[in-house]
Amino acid sequence: MDRAFQALLIASTGGLSWLLFMVVHECGHVVTGWLSGAELARVCLPPLGFSRTDFAANPHPLFVAWGGPLLGVLLPLVLLAMVQITLRHKNNADRCGFLLRWFAGFCLIANGAYLLGGSFLGGGGDDAGVILHDGGARWQLIGFGAATIAGGLCLWNGLGPRFGLGSSRGHVDRLAAVATAVALLAVVAAETLLLHAGK
């Protein structure tokens, strides 16, 4: 039974992290677009596939392109810090803390890999392509990618036993596994409804 809950926790945490990473990333584009006077056309958050934010008018594309990865990294880190400070002296701090730590690390690695890969493959309409086209430098993408991937791996360091790996031998927090799976289903349902509502 422990292995079933371990598999549930790992699969649901991975899926939920991917979907919420895209939400936070697109929030970064929306916020920087709003700050720079861009006119939002639509935000697409499909439960399967890749997210995107389209603007009808975007006077500062370089600023907006950087907004997704930068805020996509900073917002999860701020959330993690706030929760750790708030729950520092409470018994349930560790229960949700490791999941937030995983998610923050995931966002650092995903955003970093996205720009690092784009620094070599960019040239299209992705963020790296826009950054390179509108005045950004390749070394900035490489530096951002290397730094955030390293930071994400540091956050992940030591989390293996919380996911049933190593010395824990498959034992995980069952409530965390169920709660994460429910949250994943809720996000998939919400994104599916929004996707169909936007058609």
N, C-alpha and C. Protein backbone atom coordinates (compact mmCIF):
# COMPACT_ATOMS: atom_id res chain seq x y z
N MET A 1 0.82 -1.20 0.00
CA MET A 1 0.00 0.00 0.00
C MET A 1 0.86 1.26 0.00
N ASP A 2 2.00 1.20 0.72
CA ASP A 2 2.89 2.35 0.74
C ASP A 2 3.35 2.74 -0.66
N ARG A 3 3.66 1.73 -1.48
CA ARG A 3 4.14 2.01 -2.83
C ARG A 3 3.06 2.67 -3.69
N ALA A 4 1.81 2.32 -3.45
CA ALA A 4 0.72 2.94 -4.20
C ALA A 4 0.62 4.42 -3.86
N PHE A 5 0.72 4.75 -2.58
CA PHE A 5 0.68 6.16 -2.18
C PHE A 5 1.93 6.90 -2.64
N GLN A 6 3.06 6.21 -2.67
CA GLN A 6 4.28 6.83 -3.18
C GLN A 6 4.11 7.19 -4.65
N ALA A 7 3.60 6.25 -5.44
CA ALA A 7 3.39 6.50 -6.87
C ALA A 7 2.39 7.63 -7.07
N LEU A 8 1.34 7.64 -6.26
CA LEU A 8 0.33 8.71 -6.35
C LEU A 8 0.96 10.06 -6.05
N LEU A 9 1.76 10.14 -4.99
CA LEU A 9 2.40 11.40 -4.61
C LEU A 9 3.35 11.89 -5.70
N ILE A 10 4.18 11.00 -6.21
CA ILE A 10 5.16 11.40 -7.23
C ILE A 10 4.47 11.85 -8.52
N ALA A 11 3.50 11.05 -8.98
CA ALA A 11 2.82 11.38 -10.24
C ALA A 11 2.00 12.67 -10.11
N SER A 12 1.26 12.79 -9.02
CA SER A 12 0.41 13.98 -8.89
C SER A 12 1.23 15.24 -8.62
N THR A 13 2.33 15.11 -7.89
CA THR A 13 3.19 16.27 -7.65
C THR A 13 3.85 16.73 -8.94
N GLY A 14 4.29 15.77 -9.76
CA GLY A 14 4.88 16.13 -11.05
C GLY A 14 3.89 16.82 -11.97
N GLY A 15 2.70 16.24 -12.10
CA GLY A 15 1.68 16.83 -12.97
C GLY A 15 1.21 18.18 -12.48
N LEU A 16 0.96 18.30 -11.18
CA LEU A 16 0.50 19.58 -10.61
C LEU A 16 1.58 20.65 -10.75
N SER A 17 2.83 20.27 -10.53
CA SER A 17 3.93 21.24 -10.66
C SER A 17 4.03 21.77 -12.08
N TRP A 18 3.88 20.90 -13.07
CA TRP A 18 3.94 21.32 -14.46
C TRP A 18 2.83 22.33 -14.79
N LEU A 19 1.60 22.01 -14.37
CA LEU A 19 0.48 22.90 -14.68
C LEU A 19 0.60 24.23 -13.95
N LEU A 20 0.99 24.19 -12.67
CA LEU A 20 1.10 25.44 -11.91
C LEU A 20 2.32 26.25 -12.33
N PHE A 21 3.37 25.58 -12.78
CA PHE A 21 4.52 26.30 -13.35
C PHE A 21 4.07 27.16 -14.52
N MET A 22 3.24 26.60 -15.39
CA MET A 22 2.77 27.36 -16.55
C MET A 22 1.86 28.52 -16.12
N VAL A 23 1.04 28.29 -15.10
CA VAL A 23 0.17 29.36 -14.59
C VAL A 23 1.01 30.53 -14.08
N VAL A 24 2.01 30.22 -13.25
CA VAL A 24 2.85 31.27 -12.67
C VAL A 24 3.66 31.97 -13.76
N HIS A 25 4.17 31.20 -14.72
CA HIS A 25 4.94 31.77 -15.82
C HIS A 25 4.09 32.76 -16.63
N GLU A 26 2.89 32.35 -16.97
CA GLU A 26 2.01 33.24 -17.75
C GLU A 26 1.56 34.45 -16.92
N CYS A 27 1.41 34.27 -15.61
CA CYS A 27 1.12 35.41 -14.73
C CYS A 27 2.22 36.47 -14.84
N GLY A 28 3.45 36.00 -14.96
CA GLY A 28 4.57 36.94 -15.13
C GLY A 28 4.43 37.76 -16.39
N HIS A 29 4.04 37.12 -17.49
CA HIS A 29 3.81 37.87 -18.73
C HIS A 29 2.66 38.85 -18.60
N VAL A 30 1.57 38.40 -17.96
CA VAL A 30 0.40 39.26 -17.81
C VAL A 30 0.73 40.47 -16.96
N VAL A 31 1.42 40.27 -15.85
CA VAL A 31 1.76 41.38 -14.94
C VAL A 31 2.69 42.37 -15.62
N THR A 32 3.74 41.88 -16.27
CA THR A 32 4.68 42.81 -16.93
C THR A 32 4.04 43.46 -18.15
N GLY A 33 3.13 42.74 -18.81
CA GLY A 33 2.38 43.36 -19.90
C GLY A 33 1.51 44.50 -19.40
N TRP A 34 0.81 44.26 -18.29
CA TRP A 34 -0.03 45.30 -17.69
C TRP A 34 0.80 46.50 -17.26
N LEU A 35 1.97 46.23 -16.63
CA LEU A 35 2.83 47.32 -16.17
C LEU A 35 3.39 48.15 -17.32
N SER A 36 3.58 47.54 -18.48
CA SER A 36 4.20 48.24 -19.61
C SER A 36 3.19 48.74 -20.64
N GLY A 37 1.90 48.62 -20.33
CA GLY A 37 0.89 49.16 -21.23
C GLY A 37 0.51 48.27 -22.39
N ALA A 38 0.79 46.98 -22.29
CA ALA A 38 0.41 46.05 -23.36
C ALA A 38 -1.08 45.76 -23.28
N GLU A 39 -1.65 45.40 -24.41
CA GLU A 39 -3.08 45.07 -24.48
C GLU A 39 -3.22 43.55 -24.59
N LEU A 40 -3.73 42.96 -23.52
CA LEU A 40 -3.84 41.49 -23.45
C LEU A 40 -4.92 41.00 -24.40
N ALA A 41 -4.59 39.99 -25.20
CA ALA A 41 -5.56 39.37 -26.10
C ALA A 41 -6.13 38.10 -25.47
N ARG A 42 -5.25 37.21 -25.01
CA ARG A 42 -5.71 35.98 -24.38
C ARG A 42 -4.57 35.26 -23.68
N VAL A 43 -4.94 34.46 -22.70
CA VAL A 43 -4.01 33.57 -22.02
C VAL A 43 -4.53 32.16 -22.22
N CYS A 44 -3.69 31.29 -22.75
CA CYS A 44 -4.08 29.90 -23.02
C CYS A 44 -3.34 28.99 -22.04
N LEU A 45 -4.12 28.25 -21.22
CA LEU A 45 -3.55 27.32 -20.25
C LEU A 45 -4.16 25.94 -20.45
N PRO A 46 -3.73 25.23 -21.49
CA PRO A 46 -4.33 23.91 -21.74
C PRO A 46 -3.81 22.87 -20.76
N PRO A 47 -4.67 21.95 -20.31
CA PRO A 47 -4.19 20.90 -19.41
C PRO A 47 -3.20 19.97 -20.10
N LEU A 48 -3.28 19.88 -21.42
CA LEU A 48 -2.29 19.13 -22.20
C LEU A 48 -1.68 20.10 -23.21
N GLY A 49 -0.38 20.18 -23.24
CA GLY A 49 0.28 21.11 -24.16
C GLY A 49 0.99 22.21 -23.42
N PHE A 50 1.30 23.27 -24.16
CA PHE A 50 2.07 24.37 -23.61
C PHE A 50 1.22 25.63 -23.51
N SER A 51 1.45 26.39 -22.47
CA SER A 51 0.71 27.63 -22.26
C SER A 51 1.29 28.75 -23.10
N ARG A 52 0.48 29.82 -23.28
CA ARG A 52 0.98 31.00 -23.97
C ARG A 52 0.12 32.20 -23.63
N THR A 53 0.71 33.37 -23.73
CA THR A 53 0.00 34.63 -23.53
C THR A 53 0.17 35.45 -24.79
N ASP A 54 -0.95 35.90 -25.34
CA ASP A 54 -0.92 36.70 -26.57
C ASP A 54 -1.39 38.11 -26.25
N PHE A 55 -0.73 39.07 -26.88
CA PHE A 55 -1.09 40.47 -26.71
C PHE A 55 -1.52 41.05 -28.05
N ALA A 56 -2.57 41.87 -28.02
CA ALA A 56 -3.00 42.57 -29.23
C ALA A 56 -2.02 43.69 -29.55
N ALA A 57 -1.46 44.30 -28.51
CA ALA A 57 -0.43 45.33 -28.67
C ALA A 57 0.56 45.17 -27.53
N ASN A 58 1.83 45.21 -27.86
CA ASN A 58 2.87 45.00 -26.85
C ASN A 58 4.03 45.95 -27.13
N PRO A 59 4.00 47.16 -26.52
CA PRO A 59 5.04 48.16 -26.82
C PRO A 59 6.42 47.82 -26.27
N HIS A 60 6.51 46.92 -25.29
CA HIS A 60 7.80 46.57 -24.69
C HIS A 60 7.97 45.05 -24.64
N PRO A 61 8.15 44.42 -25.80
CA PRO A 61 8.20 42.95 -25.84
C PRO A 61 9.36 42.34 -25.06
N LEU A 62 10.49 43.02 -24.98
CA LEU A 62 11.63 42.46 -24.24
C LEU A 62 11.30 42.37 -22.76
N PHE A 63 10.73 43.42 -22.21
CA PHE A 63 10.33 43.45 -20.79
C PHE A 63 9.30 42.36 -20.50
N VAL A 64 8.32 42.23 -21.37
CA VAL A 64 7.25 41.26 -21.17
C VAL A 64 7.78 39.83 -21.33
N ALA A 65 8.69 39.62 -22.28
CA ALA A 65 9.26 38.29 -22.48
C ALA A 65 10.05 37.84 -21.26
N TRP A 66 10.80 38.75 -20.64
CA TRP A 66 11.55 38.41 -19.43
C TRP A 66 10.62 38.22 -18.24
N GLY A 67 9.44 38.85 -18.28
CA GLY A 67 8.52 38.78 -17.14
C GLY A 67 8.09 37.38 -16.78
N GLY A 68 7.83 36.55 -17.79
CA GLY A 68 7.40 35.18 -17.52
C GLY A 68 8.42 34.39 -16.72
N PRO A 69 9.65 34.27 -17.22
CA PRO A 69 10.65 33.50 -16.47
C PRO A 69 11.03 34.14 -15.14
N LEU A 70 11.17 35.47 -15.10
CA LEU A 70 11.60 36.11 -13.85
C LEU A 70 10.56 35.98 -12.75
N LEU A 71 9.32 36.37 -13.03
CA LEU A 71 8.27 36.23 -12.02
C LEU A 71 7.91 34.76 -11.81
N GLY A 72 8.09 33.95 -12.85
CA GLY A 72 7.85 32.52 -12.71
C GLY A 72 8.80 31.85 -11.75
N VAL A 73 9.94 32.48 -11.50
CA VAL A 73 10.91 32.00 -10.52
C VAL A 73 10.69 32.67 -9.17
N LEU A 74 10.46 33.99 -9.20
CA LEU A 74 10.38 34.75 -7.95
C LEU A 74 9.10 34.46 -7.16
N LEU A 75 7.96 34.35 -7.82
CA LEU A 75 6.70 34.15 -7.09
C LEU A 75 6.69 32.86 -6.26
N PRO A 76 7.12 31.71 -6.81
CA PRO A 76 7.16 30.50 -5.97
C PRO A 76 8.15 30.62 -4.81
N LEU A 77 9.28 31.33 -5.03
CA LEU A 77 10.25 31.51 -3.95
C LEU A 77 9.68 32.38 -2.84
N VAL A 78 8.96 33.43 -3.23
CA VAL A 78 8.32 34.30 -2.23
C VAL A 78 7.27 33.53 -1.45
N LEU A 79 6.46 32.74 -2.15
CA LEU A 79 5.43 31.93 -1.50
C LEU A 79 6.07 30.95 -0.52
N LEU A 80 7.13 30.29 -0.94
CA LEU A 80 7.83 29.35 -0.08
C LEU A 80 8.36 30.05 1.17
N ALA A 81 8.98 31.20 0.99
CA ALA A 81 9.53 31.95 2.13
C ALA A 81 8.42 32.38 3.09
N MET A 82 7.30 32.86 2.54
CA MET A 82 6.20 33.31 3.38
C MET A 82 5.62 32.16 4.20
N VAL A 83 5.44 31.01 3.57
CA VAL A 83 4.89 29.85 4.28
C VAL A 83 5.85 29.36 5.35
N GLN A 84 7.13 29.34 5.04
CA GLN A 84 8.11 28.87 6.01
C GLN A 84 8.18 29.81 7.21
N ILE A 85 8.09 31.11 6.96
CA ILE A 85 8.11 32.07 8.07
C ILE A 85 6.83 31.96 8.90
N THR A 86 5.69 31.85 8.22
CA THR A 86 4.40 31.80 8.92
C THR A 86 4.24 30.53 9.74
N LEU A 87 4.67 29.39 9.19
CA LEU A 87 4.46 28.10 9.85
C LEU A 87 5.70 27.58 10.56
N ARG A 88 6.65 28.47 10.78
CA ARG A 88 7.93 28.03 11.33
C ARG A 88 7.78 27.28 12.66
N HIS A 89 6.87 27.72 13.50
CA HIS A 89 6.73 27.14 14.83
C HIS A 89 5.53 26.21 14.95
N LYS A 90 4.97 25.80 13.82
CA LYS A 90 3.80 24.93 13.86
C LYS A 90 4.15 23.53 13.38
N ASN A 91 3.41 22.55 13.87
CA ASN A 91 3.72 21.16 13.56
C ASN A 91 3.51 20.80 12.10
N ASN A 92 2.58 21.51 11.42
CA ASN A 92 2.28 21.15 10.03
C ASN A 92 3.16 21.87 9.02
N ALA A 93 4.17 22.60 9.49
CA ALA A 93 5.04 23.34 8.57
C ALA A 93 5.74 22.41 7.60
N ASP A 94 6.21 21.26 8.11
CA ASP A 94 6.97 20.36 7.26
C ASP A 94 6.08 19.62 6.27
N ARG A 95 4.80 19.43 6.64
CA ARG A 95 3.87 18.68 5.77
C ARG A 95 3.70 19.38 4.43
N CYS A 96 3.44 20.69 4.43
CA CYS A 96 3.26 21.39 3.15
C CYS A 96 4.57 22.01 2.68
N GLY A 97 5.51 22.19 3.61
CA GLY A 97 6.77 22.83 3.25
C GLY A 97 7.56 22.09 2.18
N PHE A 98 7.58 20.76 2.28
CA PHE A 98 8.38 20.02 1.30
C PHE A 98 7.76 20.07 -0.09
N LEU A 99 6.41 20.14 -0.15
CA LEU A 99 5.75 20.25 -1.46
C LEU A 99 6.00 21.61 -2.09
N LEU A 100 5.96 22.66 -1.29
CA LEU A 100 6.26 24.00 -1.81
C LEU A 100 7.73 24.12 -2.21
N ARG A 101 8.59 23.48 -1.43
CA ARG A 101 10.01 23.49 -1.78
C ARG A 101 10.25 22.78 -3.11
N TRP A 102 9.56 21.64 -3.29
CA TRP A 102 9.65 20.93 -4.58
C TRP A 102 9.16 21.82 -5.71
N PHE A 103 7.99 22.47 -5.50
CA PHE A 103 7.40 23.30 -6.55
C PHE A 103 8.30 24.48 -6.90
N ALA A 104 8.86 25.15 -5.90
CA ALA A 104 9.76 26.27 -6.16
C ALA A 104 10.98 25.78 -6.95
N GLY A 105 11.52 24.64 -6.56
CA GLY A 105 12.66 24.08 -7.30
C GLY A 105 12.28 23.73 -8.72
N PHE A 106 11.09 23.17 -8.89
CA PHE A 106 10.60 22.82 -10.23
C PHE A 106 10.52 24.07 -11.11
N CYS A 107 9.98 25.16 -10.56
CA CYS A 107 9.84 26.39 -11.33
C CYS A 107 11.20 26.97 -11.71
N LEU A 108 12.15 26.89 -10.80
CA LEU A 108 13.50 27.37 -11.13
C LEU A 108 14.10 26.55 -12.26
N ILE A 109 13.99 25.23 -12.16
CA ILE A 109 14.58 24.36 -13.17
C ILE A 109 13.86 24.49 -14.51
N ALA A 110 12.52 24.51 -14.48
CA ALA A 110 11.76 24.57 -15.73
C ALA A 110 11.98 25.89 -16.46
N ASN A 111 11.91 27.01 -15.74
CA ASN A 111 12.15 28.31 -16.38
C ASN A 111 13.59 28.42 -16.87
N GLY A 112 14.52 27.91 -16.07
CA GLY A 112 15.93 27.96 -16.47
C GLY A 112 16.20 27.12 -17.70
N ALA A 113 15.66 25.90 -17.73
CA ALA A 113 15.86 25.03 -18.88
C ALA A 113 15.21 25.60 -20.13
N TYR A 114 14.05 26.24 -19.94
CA TYR A 114 13.32 26.86 -21.06
C TYR A 114 14.17 27.94 -21.73
N LEU A 115 14.76 28.83 -20.94
CA LEU A 115 15.59 29.88 -21.54
C LEU A 115 16.95 29.37 -21.97
N LEU A 116 17.52 28.44 -21.22
CA LEU A 116 18.82 27.88 -21.61
C LEU A 116 18.71 27.15 -22.94
N GLY A 117 17.69 26.32 -23.08
CA GLY A 117 17.47 25.63 -24.35
C GLY A 117 17.17 26.62 -25.46
N GLY A 118 16.37 27.64 -25.14
CA GLY A 118 16.03 28.65 -26.13
C GLY A 118 17.20 29.49 -26.57
N SER A 119 18.23 29.58 -25.73
CA SER A 119 19.40 30.36 -26.11
C SER A 119 20.12 29.74 -27.31
N PHE A 120 19.95 28.43 -27.48
CA PHE A 120 20.57 27.74 -28.61
C PHE A 120 19.57 27.47 -29.74
N LEU A 121 18.29 27.32 -29.37
CA LEU A 121 17.29 26.97 -30.37
C LEU A 121 16.36 28.13 -30.70
N GLY A 122 16.45 29.22 -29.92
CA GLY A 122 15.53 30.35 -30.07
C GLY A 122 15.60 30.99 -31.44
N GLY A 123 14.61 31.78 -31.71
CA GLY A 123 14.53 32.43 -33.00
C GLY A 123 13.10 32.53 -33.46
N GLY A 124 12.23 31.79 -32.75
CA GLY A 124 10.82 31.82 -33.09
C GLY A 124 10.07 32.75 -32.16
N GLY A 125 8.82 32.39 -31.89
CA GLY A 125 7.96 33.22 -31.07
C GLY A 125 8.04 32.91 -29.59
N ASP A 126 8.92 31.98 -29.17
CA ASP A 126 9.05 31.68 -27.75
C ASP A 126 9.77 32.83 -27.06
N ASP A 127 9.81 32.78 -25.72
CA ASP A 127 10.39 33.88 -24.95
C ASP A 127 11.86 34.12 -25.32
N ALA A 128 12.63 33.06 -25.44
CA ALA A 128 14.04 33.22 -25.78
C ALA A 128 14.20 33.88 -27.15
N GLY A 129 13.37 33.47 -28.10
CA GLY A 129 13.44 34.07 -29.43
C GLY A 129 13.10 35.55 -29.39
N VAL A 130 12.07 35.92 -28.62
CA VAL A 130 11.70 37.34 -28.49
C VAL A 130 12.81 38.12 -27.81
N ILE A 131 13.38 37.55 -26.76
CA ILE A 131 14.47 38.23 -26.04
C ILE A 131 15.65 38.48 -26.96
N LEU A 132 16.05 37.46 -27.72
CA LEU A 132 17.19 37.61 -28.63
C LEU A 132 16.86 38.59 -29.76
N HIS A 133 15.64 38.57 -30.24
CA HIS A 133 15.24 39.45 -31.34
C HIS A 133 15.17 40.91 -30.92
N ASP A 134 14.79 41.15 -29.65
CA ASP A 134 14.53 42.51 -29.21
C ASP A 134 15.62 43.11 -28.33
N GLY A 135 16.83 42.60 -28.43
CA GLY A 135 17.95 43.26 -27.77
C GLY A 135 18.61 42.50 -26.65
N GLY A 136 18.04 41.38 -26.23
CA GLY A 136 18.68 40.57 -25.20
C GLY A 136 19.88 39.81 -25.75
N ALA A 137 20.76 39.40 -24.86
CA ALA A 137 21.98 38.71 -25.27
C ALA A 137 21.91 37.23 -24.91
N ARG A 138 22.55 36.42 -25.72
CA ARG A 138 22.56 34.97 -25.49
C ARG A 138 23.17 34.64 -24.12
N TRP A 139 24.19 35.37 -23.71
CA TRP A 139 24.84 35.07 -22.43
C TRP A 139 23.88 35.30 -21.26
N GLN A 140 22.93 36.23 -21.43
CA GLN A 140 21.95 36.46 -20.37
C GLN A 140 21.05 35.24 -20.20
N LEU A 141 20.63 34.67 -21.31
CA LEU A 141 19.79 33.46 -21.25
C LEU A 141 20.55 32.30 -20.63
N ILE A 142 21.81 32.14 -21.05
CA ILE A 142 22.63 31.04 -20.53
C ILE A 142 22.88 31.23 -19.04
N GLY A 143 23.21 32.46 -18.64
CA GLY A 143 23.47 32.74 -17.22
C GLY A 143 22.23 32.52 -16.36
N PHE A 144 21.09 33.01 -16.84
CA PHE A 144 19.83 32.82 -16.11
C PHE A 144 19.51 31.34 -15.98
N GLY A 145 19.65 30.60 -17.09
CA GLY A 145 19.35 29.18 -17.07
C GLY A 145 20.25 28.40 -16.13
N ALA A 146 21.55 28.67 -16.20
CA ALA A 146 22.49 27.94 -15.35
C ALA A 146 22.24 28.25 -13.87
N ALA A 147 22.00 29.53 -13.55
CA ALA A 147 21.80 29.92 -12.15
C ALA A 147 20.51 29.34 -11.58
N THR A 148 19.43 29.39 -12.34
CA THR A 148 18.16 28.91 -11.81
C THR A 148 18.10 27.39 -11.73
N ILE A 149 18.70 26.72 -12.69
CA ILE A 149 18.75 25.25 -12.62
C ILE A 149 19.54 24.82 -11.40
N ALA A 150 20.68 25.47 -11.15
CA ALA A 150 21.48 25.14 -9.96
C ALA A 150 20.70 25.42 -8.69
N GLY A 151 19.99 26.55 -8.66
CA GLY A 151 19.18 26.88 -7.49
C GLY A 151 18.06 25.89 -7.26
N GLY A 152 17.42 25.46 -8.33
CA GLY A 152 16.36 24.47 -8.21
C GLY A 152 16.85 23.14 -7.68
N LEU A 153 18.02 22.71 -8.17
CA LEU A 153 18.59 21.45 -7.69
C LEU A 153 18.96 21.55 -6.21
N CYS A 154 19.40 22.73 -5.78
CA CYS A 154 19.70 22.93 -4.36
C CYS A 154 18.44 22.81 -3.51
N LEU A 155 17.34 23.37 -4.00
CA LEU A 155 16.07 23.26 -3.28
C LEU A 155 15.59 21.81 -3.20
N TRP A 156 15.82 21.06 -4.26
CA TRP A 156 15.41 19.66 -4.28
C TRP A 156 16.28 18.76 -3.41
N ASN A 157 17.49 19.21 -3.11
CA ASN A 157 18.43 18.38 -2.38
C ASN A 157 17.83 17.94 -1.03
N GLY A 158 17.84 16.65 -0.80
CA GLY A 158 17.35 16.10 0.46
C GLY A 158 15.86 15.78 0.49
N LEU A 159 15.14 16.04 -0.60
CA LEU A 159 13.70 15.78 -0.61
C LEU A 159 13.34 14.34 -0.96
N GLY A 160 14.29 13.57 -1.42
CA GLY A 160 14.01 12.19 -1.84
C GLY A 160 13.22 11.37 -0.83
N PRO A 161 13.63 11.35 0.44
CA PRO A 161 12.88 10.55 1.42
C PRO A 161 11.43 10.98 1.59
N ARG A 162 11.11 12.27 1.36
CA ARG A 162 9.72 12.72 1.48
C ARG A 162 8.85 12.14 0.37
N PHE A 163 9.50 11.70 -0.71
CA PHE A 163 8.79 11.07 -1.82
C PHE A 163 8.96 9.55 -1.81
N GLY A 164 9.37 9.02 -0.68
CA GLY A 164 9.47 7.57 -0.52
C GLY A 164 10.75 6.96 -1.06
N LEU A 165 11.72 7.79 -1.39
CA LEU A 165 12.97 7.28 -1.95
C LEU A 165 14.01 7.07 -0.85
N GLY A 166 15.01 6.25 -1.15
CA GLY A 166 16.11 6.04 -0.21
C GLY A 166 15.66 5.36 1.07
N SER A 167 16.06 5.94 2.20
CA SER A 167 15.85 5.30 3.50
C SER A 167 14.38 5.16 3.89
N SER A 168 13.50 5.95 3.29
CA SER A 168 12.07 5.87 3.66
C SER A 168 11.38 4.64 3.06
N ARG A 169 12.00 4.04 2.04
CA ARG A 169 11.53 2.77 1.46
C ARG A 169 10.05 2.78 1.07
N GLY A 170 9.65 3.81 0.39
CA GLY A 170 8.29 3.88 -0.13
C GLY A 170 7.28 4.53 0.80
N HIS A 171 7.66 4.80 2.04
CA HIS A 171 6.71 5.40 2.99
C HIS A 171 6.62 6.91 2.73
N VAL A 172 5.40 7.39 2.52
CA VAL A 172 5.16 8.82 2.29
C VAL A 172 4.00 9.29 3.15
N ASP A 173 3.83 10.58 3.21
CA ASP A 173 2.69 11.18 3.90
C ASP A 173 1.45 10.93 3.03
N ARG A 174 0.55 10.09 3.49
CA ARG A 174 -0.61 9.70 2.67
C ARG A 174 -1.56 10.87 2.45
N LEU A 175 -1.71 11.70 3.45
CA LEU A 175 -2.58 12.87 3.30
C LEU A 175 -2.03 13.80 2.23
N ALA A 176 -0.72 13.99 2.21
CA ALA A 176 -0.09 14.83 1.17
C ALA A 176 -0.32 14.23 -0.21
N ALA A 177 -0.23 12.91 -0.31
CA ALA A 177 -0.44 12.24 -1.61
C ALA A 177 -1.87 12.44 -2.11
N VAL A 178 -2.84 12.25 -1.23
CA VAL A 178 -4.24 12.41 -1.63
C VAL A 178 -4.56 13.87 -1.95
N ALA A 179 -4.08 14.78 -1.10
CA ALA A 179 -4.35 16.21 -1.31
C ALA A 179 -3.75 16.70 -2.63
N THR A 180 -2.57 16.22 -2.95
CA THR A 180 -1.92 16.63 -4.20
C THR A 180 -2.68 16.08 -5.40
N ALA A 181 -3.14 14.86 -5.30
CA ALA A 181 -3.92 14.28 -6.40
C ALA A 181 -5.24 15.02 -6.60
N VAL A 182 -5.90 15.38 -5.51
CA VAL A 182 -7.15 16.15 -5.61
C VAL A 182 -6.89 17.52 -6.22
N ALA A 183 -5.80 18.15 -5.80
CA ALA A 183 -5.45 19.46 -6.36
C ALA A 183 -5.17 19.36 -7.85
N LEU A 184 -4.48 18.30 -8.27
CA LEU A 184 -4.21 18.10 -9.69
C LEU A 184 -5.51 17.95 -10.48
N LEU A 185 -6.42 17.15 -9.99
CA LEU A 185 -7.70 16.96 -10.68
C LEU A 185 -8.47 18.27 -10.76
N ALA A 186 -8.42 19.06 -9.70
CA ALA A 186 -9.12 20.34 -9.68
C ALA A 186 -8.54 21.31 -10.71
N VAL A 187 -7.22 21.35 -10.81
CA VAL A 187 -6.58 22.25 -11.78
C VAL A 187 -6.88 21.80 -13.21
N VAL A 188 -6.81 20.49 -13.46
CA VAL A 188 -7.13 19.97 -14.80
C VAL A 188 -8.58 20.30 -15.17
N ALA A 189 -9.50 20.11 -14.23
CA ALA A 189 -10.91 20.42 -14.48
C ALA A 189 -11.11 21.90 -14.77
N ALA A 190 -10.48 22.76 -13.96
CA ALA A 190 -10.62 24.21 -14.16
C ALA A 190 -10.05 24.65 -15.50
N GLU A 191 -8.88 24.12 -15.86
CA GLU A 191 -8.27 24.52 -17.14
C GLU A 191 -9.08 23.98 -18.32
N THR A 192 -9.66 22.79 -18.18
CA THR A 192 -10.49 22.25 -19.25
C THR A 192 -11.73 23.11 -19.46
N LEU A 193 -12.37 23.52 -18.36
CA LEU A 193 -13.55 24.37 -18.46
C LEU A 193 -13.20 25.73 -19.08
N LEU A 194 -12.09 26.30 -18.66
CA LEU A 194 -11.68 27.59 -19.22
C LEU A 194 -11.33 27.47 -20.69
N LEU A 195 -10.71 26.36 -21.06
CA LEU A 195 -10.34 26.15 -22.46
C LEU A 195 -11.59 26.07 -23.34
N HIS A 196 -12.60 25.34 -22.89
CA HIS A 196 -13.83 25.21 -23.67
C HIS A 196 -14.64 26.50 -23.65
N ALA A 197 -14.57 27.24 -22.55
CA ALA A 197 -15.30 28.50 -22.45
C ALA A 197 -14.73 29.55 -23.39
N GLY A 198 -13.41 29.44 -23.65
CA GLY A 198 -12.75 30.42 -24.52
C GLY A 198 -12.90 30.16 -25.99
N LYS A 199 -13.48 29.01 -26.35
CA LYS A 199 -13.62 28.66 -27.78
C LYS A 199 -14.89 29.27 -28.35
